[in-house]
Amino acid sequence: NVSKLASYLDANYRIVMNQLFGSKEVSIVDREFYLSKIKSKEWGGDKRTVVIHQTLLNGLTACSKVSFIGKKSTFVSLITLVKDVKGSWKIVSDVPTIK
């Protein structure tokens, strides 16, 4: 559900991919590109179990280490969240590694 997913992402959401999928560079994927890949079903489609390993709070910001365990692949991400003026937590960045 792309619209439900979008509601959890801050307008400034980014995925920071450091040397993933054979790359030797850092690549940045913005919110709109990410959502378009999910909508087209080019990305996603694997049901994953989510395990939150650790969360650190720092005022209106939080960072969590999270595993997304699926049949096709497992991602371990450092996710940064920000609390908006309405009191809702939104994901602002995702820095994944692939196991």
PDB file of N, CA and C in Angstrom:
ATOM      1  N   ASN A   1       0.841  -1.172   0.000  1.00  0.00           N
ATOM      2  CA  ASN A   1       0.000   0.000   0.000  1.00  0.00           C
ATOM      3  C   ASN A   1       0.893   1.244   0.000  1.00  0.00           C
ATOM      4  N   VAL A   2       1.067   1.828  -1.172  1.00  0.00           N
ATOM      5  CA  VAL A   2       2.004   2.949  -1.336  1.00  0.00           C
ATOM      6  C   VAL A   2       1.565   4.172  -0.546  1.00  0.00           C
ATOM      7  N   SER A   3       0.261   4.479  -0.530  1.00  0.00           N
ATOM      8  CA  SER A   3      -0.161   5.675   0.201  1.00  0.00           C
ATOM      9  C   SER A   3       0.014   5.514   1.704  1.00  0.00           C
ATOM     10  N   LYS A   4      -0.189   4.320   2.217  1.00  0.00           N
ATOM     11  CA  LYS A   4       0.053   4.092   3.653  1.00  0.00           C
ATOM     12  C   LYS A   4       1.543   4.217   3.950  1.00  0.00           C
ATOM     13  N   LEU A   5       2.386   3.618   3.095  1.00  0.00           N
ATOM     14  CA  LEU A   5       3.833   3.739   3.260  1.00  0.00           C
ATOM     15  C   LEU A   5       4.255   5.203   3.238  1.00  0.00           C
ATOM     16  N   ALA A   6       3.727   5.968   2.294  1.00  0.00           N
ATOM     17  CA  ALA A   6       4.078   7.385   2.162  1.00  0.00           C
ATOM     18  C   ALA A   6       3.748   8.166   3.431  1.00  0.00           C
ATOM     19  N   SER A   7       2.699   7.766   4.131  1.00  0.00           N
ATOM     20  CA  SER A   7       2.305   8.490   5.342  1.00  0.00           C
ATOM     21  C   SER A   7       3.327   8.346   6.472  1.00  0.00           C
ATOM     22  N   TYR A   8       4.175   7.326   6.399  1.00  0.00           N
ATOM     23  CA  TYR A   8       5.209   7.111   7.419  1.00  0.00           C
ATOM     24  C   TYR A   8       6.529   7.803   7.077  1.00  0.00           C
ATOM     25  N   LEU A   9       6.641   8.324   5.850  1.00  0.00           N
ATOM     26  CA  LEU A   9       7.892   8.915   5.386  1.00  0.00           C
ATOM     27  C   LEU A   9       7.830  10.435   5.427  1.00  0.00           C
ATOM     28  N   ASP A  10       8.838  11.051   6.016  1.00  0.00           N
ATOM     29  CA  ASP A  10       8.960  12.500   5.997  1.00  0.00           C
ATOM     30  C   ASP A  10       9.173  12.974   4.556  1.00  0.00           C
ATOM     31  N   ALA A  11       8.787  14.208   4.271  1.00  0.00           N
ATOM     32  CA  ALA A  11       8.963  14.770   2.923  1.00  0.00           C
ATOM     33  C   ALA A  11      10.429  14.758   2.488  1.00  0.00           C
ATOM     34  N   ASN A  12      11.358  14.770   3.447  1.00  0.00           N
ATOM     35  CA  ASN A  12      12.791  14.775   3.147  1.00  0.00           C
ATOM     36  C   ASN A  12      13.413  13.385   3.163  1.00  0.00           C
ATOM     37  N   TYR A  13      12.605  12.335   3.190  1.00  0.00           N
ATOM     38  CA  TYR A  13      13.081  10.949   3.282  1.00  0.00           C
ATOM     39  C   TYR A  13      14.124  10.633   2.212  1.00  0.00           C
ATOM     40  N   ARG A  14      15.160   9.903   2.626  1.00  0.00           N
ATOM     41  CA  ARG A  14      16.225   9.461   1.722  1.00  0.00           C
ATOM     42  C   ARG A  14      16.674   8.061   2.127  1.00  0.00           C
ATOM     43  N   ILE A  15      17.041   7.256   1.138  1.00  0.00           N
ATOM     44  CA  ILE A  15      17.757   6.008   1.392  1.00  0.00           C
ATOM     45  C   ILE A  15      19.202   6.285   1.003  1.00  0.00           C
ATOM     46  N   VAL A  16      20.125   5.978   1.881  1.00  0.00           N
ATOM     47  CA  VAL A  16      21.551   6.152   1.613  1.00  0.00           C
ATOM     48  C   VAL A  16      22.128   4.758   1.437  1.00  0.00           C
ATOM     49  N   MET A  17      22.498   4.431   0.204  1.00  0.00           N
ATOM     50  CA  MET A  17      23.018   3.094  -0.110  1.00  0.00           C
ATOM     51  C   MET A  17      24.527   3.192  -0.301  1.00  0.00           C
ATOM     52  N   ASN A  18      25.264   2.618   0.636  1.00  0.00           N
ATOM     53  CA  ASN A  18      26.728   2.646   0.580  1.00  0.00           C
ATOM     54  C   ASN A  18      27.240   1.328   0.008  1.00  0.00           C
ATOM     55  N   GLN A  19      27.674   1.378  -1.232  1.00  0.00           N
ATOM     56  CA  GLN A  19      28.289   0.235  -1.920  1.00  0.00           C
ATOM     57  C   GLN A  19      27.362  -0.983  -1.973  1.00  0.00           C
ATOM     58  N   LEU A  20      26.077  -0.750  -2.256  1.00  0.00           N
ATOM     59  CA  LEU A  20      25.137  -1.854  -2.378  1.00  0.00           C
ATOM     60  C   LEU A  20      25.010  -2.309  -3.828  1.00  0.00           C
ATOM     61  N   PHE A  21      24.620  -3.545  -3.996  1.00  0.00           N
ATOM     62  CA  PHE A  21      24.362  -4.143  -5.309  1.00  0.00           C
ATOM     63  C   PHE A  21      25.563  -4.023  -6.244  1.00  0.00           C
ATOM     64  N   GLY A  22      26.760  -4.185  -5.698  1.00  0.00           N
ATOM     65  CA  GLY A  22      27.976  -4.174  -6.504  1.00  0.00           C
ATOM     66  C   GLY A  22      28.567  -2.805  -6.769  1.00  0.00           C
ATOM     67  N   SER A  23      27.920  -1.758  -6.310  1.00  0.00           N
ATOM     68  CA  SER A  23      28.426  -0.405  -6.522  1.00  0.00           C
ATOM     69  C   SER A  23      29.624  -0.141  -5.616  1.00  0.00           C
ATOM     70  N   LYS A  24      30.482   0.776  -6.031  1.00  0.00           N
ATOM     71  CA  LYS A  24      31.608   1.207  -5.197  1.00  0.00           C
ATOM     72  C   LYS A  24      31.377   2.617  -4.671  1.00  0.00           C
ATOM     73  N   GLU A  25      30.144   3.087  -4.828  1.00  0.00           N
ATOM     74  CA  GLU A  25      29.825   4.463  -4.465  1.00  0.00           C
ATOM     75  C   GLU A  25      28.667   4.509  -3.472  1.00  0.00           C
ATOM     76  N   VAL A  26      28.441   5.692  -2.962  1.00  0.00           N
ATOM     77  CA  VAL A  26      27.259   5.968  -2.150  1.00  0.00           C
ATOM     78  C   VAL A  26      26.192   6.520  -3.092  1.00  0.00           C
ATOM     79  N   SER A  27      25.011   5.927  -3.035  1.00  0.00           N
ATOM     80  CA  SER A  27      23.884   6.387  -3.853  1.00  0.00           C
ATOM     81  C   SER A  27      22.772   6.859  -2.935  1.00  0.00           C
ATOM     82  N   ILE A  28      22.096   7.923  -3.360  1.00  0.00           N
ATOM     83  CA  ILE A  28      20.980   8.474  -2.601  1.00  0.00           C
ATOM     84  C   ILE A  28      19.702   8.280  -3.406  1.00  0.00           C
ATOM     85  N   VAL A  29      18.691   7.722  -2.750  1.00  0.00           N
ATOM     86  CA  VAL A  29      17.381   7.552  -3.376  1.00  0.00           C
ATOM     87  C   VAL A  29      16.410   8.446  -2.616  1.00  0.00           C
ATOM     88  N   ASP A  30      15.733   9.366  -3.331  1.00  0.00           N
ATOM     89  CA  ASP A  30      14.793  10.245  -2.639  1.00  0.00           C
ATOM     90  C   ASP A  30      13.414   9.605  -2.501  1.00  0.00           C
ATOM     91  N   ARG A  31      12.566  10.239  -1.745  1.00  0.00           N
ATOM     92  CA  ARG A  31      11.242   9.723  -1.401  1.00  0.00           C
ATOM     93  C   ARG A  31      10.405   9.404  -2.632  1.00  0.00           C
ATOM     94  N   GLU A  32      10.322  10.330  -3.566  1.00  0.00           N
ATOM     95  CA  GLU A  32       9.461  10.134  -4.731  1.00  0.00           C
ATOM     96  C   GLU A  32       9.947   8.980  -5.609  1.00  0.00           C
ATOM     97  N   PHE A  33      11.251   8.870  -5.805  1.00  0.00           N
ATOM     98  CA  PHE A  33      11.799   7.764  -6.602  1.00  0.00           C
ATOM     99  C   PHE A  33      11.516   6.432  -5.908  1.00  0.00           C
ATOM    100  N   TYR A  34      11.742   6.393  -4.608  1.00  0.00           N
ATOM    101  CA  TYR A  34      11.485   5.174  -3.831  1.00  0.00           C
ATOM    102  C   TYR A  34      10.022   4.752  -3.949  1.00  0.00           C
ATOM    103  N   LEU A  35       9.111   5.689  -3.724  1.00  0.00           N
ATOM    104  CA  LEU A  35       7.685   5.361  -3.808  1.00  0.00           C
ATOM    105  C   LEU A  35       7.274   4.924  -5.210  1.00  0.00           C
ATOM    106  N   SER A  36       7.891   5.509  -6.235  1.00  0.00           N
ATOM    107  CA  SER A  36       7.562   5.099  -7.617  1.00  0.00           C
ATOM    108  C   SER A  36       8.015   3.660  -7.882  1.00  0.00           C
ATOM    109  N   LYS A  37       9.150   3.255  -7.319  1.00  0.00           N
ATOM    110  CA  LYS A  37       9.639   1.880  -7.475  1.00  0.00           C
ATOM    111  C   LYS A  37       8.744   0.892  -6.740  1.00  0.00           C
ATOM    112  N   ILE A  38       8.235   1.283  -5.582  1.00  0.00           N
ATOM    113  CA  ILE A  38       7.312   0.430  -4.841  1.00  0.00           C
ATOM    114  C   ILE A  38       5.986   0.323  -5.599  1.00  0.00           C
ATOM    115  N   LYS A  39       5.486   1.452  -6.094  1.00  0.00           N
ATOM    116  CA  LYS A  39       4.212   1.469  -6.818  1.00  0.00           C
ATOM    117  C   LYS A  39       4.258   0.613  -8.079  1.00  0.00           C
ATOM    118  N   SER A  40       5.378   0.652  -8.801  1.00  0.00           N
ATOM    119  CA  SER A  40       5.525  -0.132 -10.037  1.00  0.00           C
ATOM    120  C   SER A  40       5.837  -1.603  -9.747  1.00  0.00           C
ATOM    121  N   LYS A  41       6.028  -1.923  -8.457  1.00  0.00           N
ATOM    122  CA  LYS A  41       6.367  -3.277  -7.992  1.00  0.00           C
ATOM    123  C   LYS A  41       7.758  -3.729  -8.463  1.00  0.00           C
ATOM    124  N   GLU A  42       8.572  -2.778  -8.905  1.00  0.00           N
ATOM    125  CA  GLU A  42       9.966  -3.080  -9.249  1.00  0.00           C
ATOM    126  C   GLU A  42      10.760  -3.399  -7.982  1.00  0.00           C
ATOM    127  N   TRP A  43      10.401  -2.734  -6.890  1.00  0.00           N
ATOM    128  CA  TRP A  43      10.997  -2.992  -5.589  1.00  0.00           C
ATOM    129  C   TRP A  43       9.904  -3.498  -4.660  1.00  0.00           C
ATOM    130  N   GLY A  44      10.285  -4.296  -3.681  1.00  0.00           N
ATOM    131  CA  GLY A  44       9.332  -4.778  -2.691  1.00  0.00           C
ATOM    132  C   GLY A  44       8.720  -6.106  -3.098  1.00  0.00           C
ATOM    133  N   GLY A  45       7.590  -6.423  -2.509  1.00  0.00           N
ATOM    134  CA  GLY A  45       6.877  -7.649  -2.848  1.00  0.00           C
ATOM    135  C   GLY A  45       7.240  -8.852  -2.001  1.00  0.00           C
ATOM    136  N   ASP A  46       8.264  -8.732  -1.180  1.00  0.00           N
ATOM    137  CA  ASP A  46       8.689  -9.821  -0.300  1.00  0.00           C
ATOM    138  C   ASP A  46       8.124  -9.535   1.088  1.00  0.00           C
ATOM    139  N   LYS A  47       7.357 -10.459   1.635  1.00  0.00           N
ATOM    140  CA  LYS A  47       6.871 -10.263   3.003  1.00  0.00           C
ATOM    141  C   LYS A  47       8.052 -10.418   3.943  1.00  0.00           C
ATOM    142  N   ARG A  48       8.193  -9.446   4.845  1.00  0.00           N
ATOM    143  CA  ARG A  48       9.338  -9.458   5.744  1.00  0.00           C
ATOM    144  C   ARG A  48       8.902  -9.369   7.196  1.00  0.00           C
ATOM    145  N   THR A  49       9.667 -10.036   8.036  1.00  0.00           N
ATOM    146  CA  THR A  49       9.526  -9.894   9.473  1.00  0.00           C
ATOM    147  C   THR A  49      10.399  -8.720   9.890  1.00  0.00           C
ATOM    148  N   VAL A  50       9.860  -7.852  10.736  1.00  0.00           N
ATOM    149  CA  VAL A  50      10.600  -6.681  11.202  1.00  0.00           C
ATOM    150  C   VAL A  50      11.040  -6.919  12.643  1.00  0.00           C
ATOM    151  N   VAL A  51      12.349  -6.756  12.875  1.00  0.00           N
ATOM    152  CA  VAL A  51      12.906  -6.897  14.219  1.00  0.00           C
ATOM    153  C   VAL A  51      13.617  -5.592  14.568  1.00  0.00           C
ATOM    154  N   ILE A  52      13.159  -4.934  15.632  1.00  0.00           N
ATOM    155  CA  ILE A  52      13.804  -3.706  16.099  1.00  0.00           C
ATOM    156  C   ILE A  52      14.802  -4.110  17.173  1.00  0.00           C
ATOM    157  N   HIS A  53      16.086  -3.893  16.886  1.00  0.00           N
ATOM    158  CA  HIS A  53      17.148  -4.311  17.799  1.00  0.00           C
ATOM    159  C   HIS A  53      17.435  -3.288  18.886  1.00  0.00           C
ATOM    160  N   GLN A  54      17.422  -2.031  18.497  1.00  0.00           N
ATOM    161  CA  GLN A  54      17.803  -0.984  19.438  1.00  0.00           C
ATOM    162  C   GLN A  54      17.245   0.342  18.951  1.00  0.00           C
ATOM    163  N   THR A  55      16.828   1.186  19.876  1.00  0.00           N
ATOM    164  CA  THR A  55      16.366   2.525  19.543  1.00  0.00           C
ATOM    165  C   THR A  55      16.985   3.518  20.519  1.00  0.00           C
ATOM    166  N   LEU A  56      17.493   4.602  19.974  1.00  0.00           N
ATOM    167  CA  LEU A  56      18.048   5.690  20.777  1.00  0.00           C
ATOM    168  C   LEU A  56      17.199   6.930  20.546  1.00  0.00           C
ATOM    169  N   LEU A  57      16.791   7.577  21.615  1.00  0.00           N
ATOM    170  CA  LEU A  57      16.023   8.814  21.516  1.00  0.00           C
ATOM    171  C   LEU A  57      16.916   9.997  21.843  1.00  0.00           C
ATOM    172  N   ASN A  58      16.737  11.075  21.080  1.00  0.00           N
ATOM    173  CA  ASN A  58      17.483  12.303  21.305  1.00  0.00           C
ATOM    174  C   ASN A  58      16.527  13.459  21.027  1.00  0.00           C
ATOM    175  N   GLY A  59      15.716  13.800  22.009  1.00  0.00           N
ATOM    176  CA  GLY A  59      14.737  14.874  21.821  1.00  0.00           C
ATOM    177  C   GLY A  59      13.694  14.494  20.782  1.00  0.00           C
ATOM    178  N   LEU A  60      13.641  15.259  19.707  1.00  0.00           N
ATOM    179  CA  LEU A  60      12.668  15.049  18.638  1.00  0.00           C
ATOM    180  C   LEU A  60      13.195  14.144  17.532  1.00  0.00           C
ATOM    181  N   THR A  61      14.302  13.464  17.801  1.00  0.00           N
ATOM    182  CA  THR A  61      14.928  12.578  16.821  1.00  0.00           C
ATOM    183  C   THR A  61      15.163  11.224  17.463  1.00  0.00           C
ATOM    184  N   ALA A  62      15.064  10.173  16.666  1.00  0.00           N
ATOM    185  CA  ALA A  62      15.343   8.820  17.148  1.00  0.00           C
ATOM    186  C   ALA A  62      16.082   8.070  16.047  1.00  0.00           C
ATOM    187  N   CYS A  63      16.854   7.082  16.455  1.00  0.00           N
ATOM    188  CA  CYS A  63      17.573   6.228  15.515  1.00  0.00           C
ATOM    189  C   CYS A  63      17.385   4.784  15.965  1.00  0.00           C
ATOM    190  N   SER A  64      17.041   3.914  15.031  1.00  0.00           N
ATOM    191  CA  SER A  64      16.836   2.504  15.343  1.00  0.00           C
ATOM    192  C   SER A  64      17.642   1.622  14.413  1.00  0.00           C
ATOM    193  N   LYS A  65      18.136   0.515  14.951  1.00  0.00           N
ATOM    194  CA  LYS A  65      18.720  -0.540  14.140  1.00  0.00           C
ATOM    195  C   LYS A  65      17.616  -1.578  13.956  1.00  0.00           C
ATOM    196  N   VAL A  66      17.270  -1.847  12.687  1.00  0.00           N
ATOM    197  CA  VAL A  66      16.119  -2.684  12.370  1.00  0.00           C
ATOM    198  C   VAL A  66      16.497  -3.712  11.305  1.00  0.00           C
ATOM    199  N   SER A  67      16.055  -4.962  11.506  1.00  0.00           N
ATOM    200  CA  SER A  67      16.223  -6.004  10.485  1.00  0.00           C
ATOM    201  C   SER A  67      14.886  -6.234   9.801  1.00  0.00           C
ATOM    202  N   PHE A  68      14.938  -6.350   8.473  1.00  0.00           N
ATOM    203  CA  PHE A  68      13.788  -6.699   7.646  1.00  0.00           C
ATOM    204  C   PHE A  68      14.117  -8.047   7.023  1.00  0.00           C
ATOM    205  N   ILE A  69      13.551  -9.111   7.569  1.00  0.00           N
ATOM    206  CA  ILE A  69      13.932 -10.475   7.202  1.00  0.00           C
ATOM    207  C   ILE A  69      12.883 -11.045   6.251  1.00  0.00           C
ATOM    208  N   GLY A  70      13.318 -11.343   5.013  1.00  0.00           N
ATOM    209  CA  GLY A  70      12.407 -11.877   4.012  1.00  0.00           C
ATOM    210  C   GLY A  70      12.942 -13.147   3.396  1.00  0.00           C
ATOM    211  N   LYS A  71      12.149 -13.720   2.502  1.00  0.00           N
ATOM    212  CA  LYS A  71      12.581 -14.931   1.797  1.00  0.00           C
ATOM    213  C   LYS A  71      13.624 -14.608   0.735  1.00  0.00           C
ATOM    214  N   LYS A  72      13.464 -13.473   0.043  1.00  0.00           N
ATOM    215  CA  LYS A  72      14.385 -13.083  -1.032  1.00  0.00           C
ATOM    216  C   LYS A  72      15.679 -12.478  -0.492  1.00  0.00           C
ATOM    217  N   SER A  73      15.549 -11.666   0.575  1.00  0.00           N
ATOM    218  CA  SER A  73      16.728 -10.999   1.126  1.00  0.00           C
ATOM    219  C   SER A  73      16.427 -10.490   2.530  1.00  0.00           C
ATOM    220  N   THR A  74      17.505 -10.165   3.232  1.00  0.00           N
ATOM    221  CA  THR A  74      17.401  -9.560   4.559  1.00  0.00           C
ATOM    222  C   THR A  74      18.184  -8.259   4.547  1.00  0.00           C
ATOM    223  N   PHE A  75      17.529  -7.192   5.005  1.00  0.00           N
ATOM    224  CA  PHE A  75      18.167  -5.892   5.136  1.00  0.00           C
ATOM    225  C   PHE A  75      18.317  -5.575   6.610  1.00  0.00           C
ATOM    226  N   VAL A  76      19.466  -5.022   6.986  1.00  0.00           N
ATOM    227  CA  VAL A  76      19.655  -4.472   8.317  1.00  0.00           C
ATOM    228  C   VAL A  76      19.895  -2.986   8.108  1.00  0.00           C
ATOM    229  N   SER A  77      19.025  -2.181   8.695  1.00  0.00           N
ATOM    230  CA  SER A  77      19.056  -0.744   8.435  1.00  0.00           C
ATOM    231  C   SER A  77      19.246   0.063   9.705  1.00  0.00           C
ATOM    232  N   LEU A  78      19.876   1.207   9.540  1.00  0.00           N
ATOM    233  CA  LEU A  78      19.879   2.251  10.556  1.00  0.00           C
ATOM    234  C   LEU A  78      18.850   3.267  10.079  1.00  0.00           C
ATOM    235  N   ILE A  79      17.781   3.411  10.837  1.00  0.00           N
ATOM    236  CA  ILE A  79      16.666   4.267  10.442  1.00  0.00           C
ATOM    237  C   ILE A  79      16.609   5.461  11.377  1.00  0.00           C
ATOM    238  N   THR A  80      16.542   6.656  10.794  1.00  0.00           N
ATOM    239  CA  THR A  80      16.424   7.881  11.568  1.00  0.00           C
ATOM    240  C   THR A  80      15.001   8.409  11.431  1.00  0.00           C
ATOM    241  N   LEU A  81      14.426   8.757  12.565  1.00  0.00           N
ATOM    242  CA  LEU A  81      13.064   9.285  12.593  1.00  0.00           C
ATOM    243  C   LEU A  81      13.062  10.678  13.215  1.00  0.00           C
ATOM    244  N   VAL A  82      12.108  11.492  12.788  1.00  0.00           N
ATOM    245  CA  VAL A  82      11.919  12.815  13.366  1.00  0.00           C
ATOM    246  C   VAL A  82      10.466  12.947  13.802  1.00  0.00           C
ATOM    247  N   LYS A  83      10.258  13.647  14.902  1.00  0.00           N
ATOM    248  CA  LYS A  83       8.904  13.884  15.395  1.00  0.00           C
ATOM    249  C   LYS A  83       8.429  15.215  14.825  1.00  0.00           C
ATOM    250  N   ASP A  84       7.275  15.179  14.125  1.00  0.00           N
ATOM    251  CA  ASP A  84       6.790  16.408  13.499  1.00  0.00           C
ATOM    252  C   ASP A  84       5.992  17.257  14.484  1.00  0.00           C
ATOM    253  N   VAL A  85       5.529  18.411  14.047  1.00  0.00           N
ATOM    254  CA  VAL A  85       4.831  19.347  14.935  1.00  0.00           C
ATOM    255  C   VAL A  85       3.502  18.795  15.431  1.00  0.00           C
ATOM    256  N   LYS A  86       2.951  17.782  14.747  1.00  0.00           N
ATOM    257  CA  LYS A  86       1.702  17.146  15.181  1.00  0.00           C
ATOM    258  C   LYS A  86       1.958  16.016  16.173  1.00  0.00           C
ATOM    259  N   GLY A  87       3.250  15.716  16.440  1.00  0.00           N
ATOM    260  CA  GLY A  87       3.595  14.666  17.382  1.00  0.00           C
ATOM    261  C   GLY A  87       3.747  13.288  16.758  1.00  0.00           C
ATOM    262  N   SER A  88       3.719  13.207  15.430  1.00  0.00           N
ATOM    263  CA  SER A  88       3.879  11.930  14.728  1.00  0.00           C
ATOM    264  C   SER A  88       5.346  11.700  14.374  1.00  0.00           C
ATOM    265  N   TRP A  89       5.784  10.449  14.501  1.00  0.00           N
ATOM    266  CA  TRP A  89       7.136  10.076  14.117  1.00  0.00           C
ATOM    267  C   TRP A  89       7.145   9.729  12.634  1.00  0.00           C
ATOM    268  N   LYS A  90       8.099  10.307  11.883  1.00  0.00           N
ATOM    269  CA  LYS A  90       8.248  10.057  10.450  1.00  0.00           C
ATOM    270  C   LYS A  90       9.675   9.592  10.177  1.00  0.00           C
ATOM    271  N   ILE A  91       9.802   8.659   9.251  1.00  0.00           N
ATOM    272  CA  ILE A  91      11.136   8.194   8.861  1.00  0.00           C
ATOM    273  C   ILE A  91      11.758   9.214   7.925  1.00  0.00           C
ATOM    274  N   VAL A  92      12.964   9.666   8.254  1.00  0.00           N
ATOM    275  CA  VAL A  92      13.638  10.666   7.431  1.00  0.00           C
ATOM    276  C   VAL A  92      14.808  10.055   6.658  1.00  0.00           C
ATOM    277  N   SER A  93      15.390   8.956   7.180  1.00  0.00           N
ATOM    278  CA  SER A  93      16.461   8.305   6.437  1.00  0.00           C
ATOM    279  C   SER A  93      16.547   6.831   6.771  1.00  0.00           C
ATOM    280  N   ASP A  94      17.056   6.087   5.799  1.00  0.00           N
ATOM    281  CA  ASP A  94      17.247   4.642   5.917  1.00  0.00           C
ATOM    282  C   ASP A  94      18.619   4.351   5.314  1.00  0.00           C
ATOM    283  N   VAL A  95      19.495   3.756   6.114  1.00  0.00           N
ATOM    284  CA  VAL A  95      20.833   3.384   5.637  1.00  0.00           C
ATOM    285  C   VAL A  95      20.938   1.875   5.764  1.00  0.00           C
ATOM    286  N   PRO A  96      20.624   1.141   4.676  1.00  0.00           N
ATOM    287  CA  PRO A  96      20.576  -0.321   4.746  1.00  0.00           C
ATOM    288  C   PRO A  96      21.887  -1.008   4.383  1.00  0.00           C
ATOM    289  N   THR A  97      22.034  -2.210   4.895  1.00  0.00           N
ATOM    290  CA  THR A  97      23.020  -3.164   4.418  1.00  0.00           C
ATOM    291  C   THR A  97      22.253  -4.438   4.079  1.00  0.00           C
ATOM    292  N   ILE A  98      22.795  -5.233   3.201  1.00  0.00           N
ATOM    293  CA  ILE A  98      22.134  -6.469   2.792  1.00  0.00           C
ATOM    294  C   ILE A  98      22.930  -7.645   3.321  1.00  0.00           C
ATOM    295  N   LYS A  99      22.225  -8.571   3.959  1.00  0.00           N
ATOM    296  CA  LYS A  99      22.889  -9.771   4.474  1.00  0.00           C
ATOM    297  C   LYS A  99      22.733 -10.889   3.479  1.00  0.00           C
TER     298      LYS A  99
END
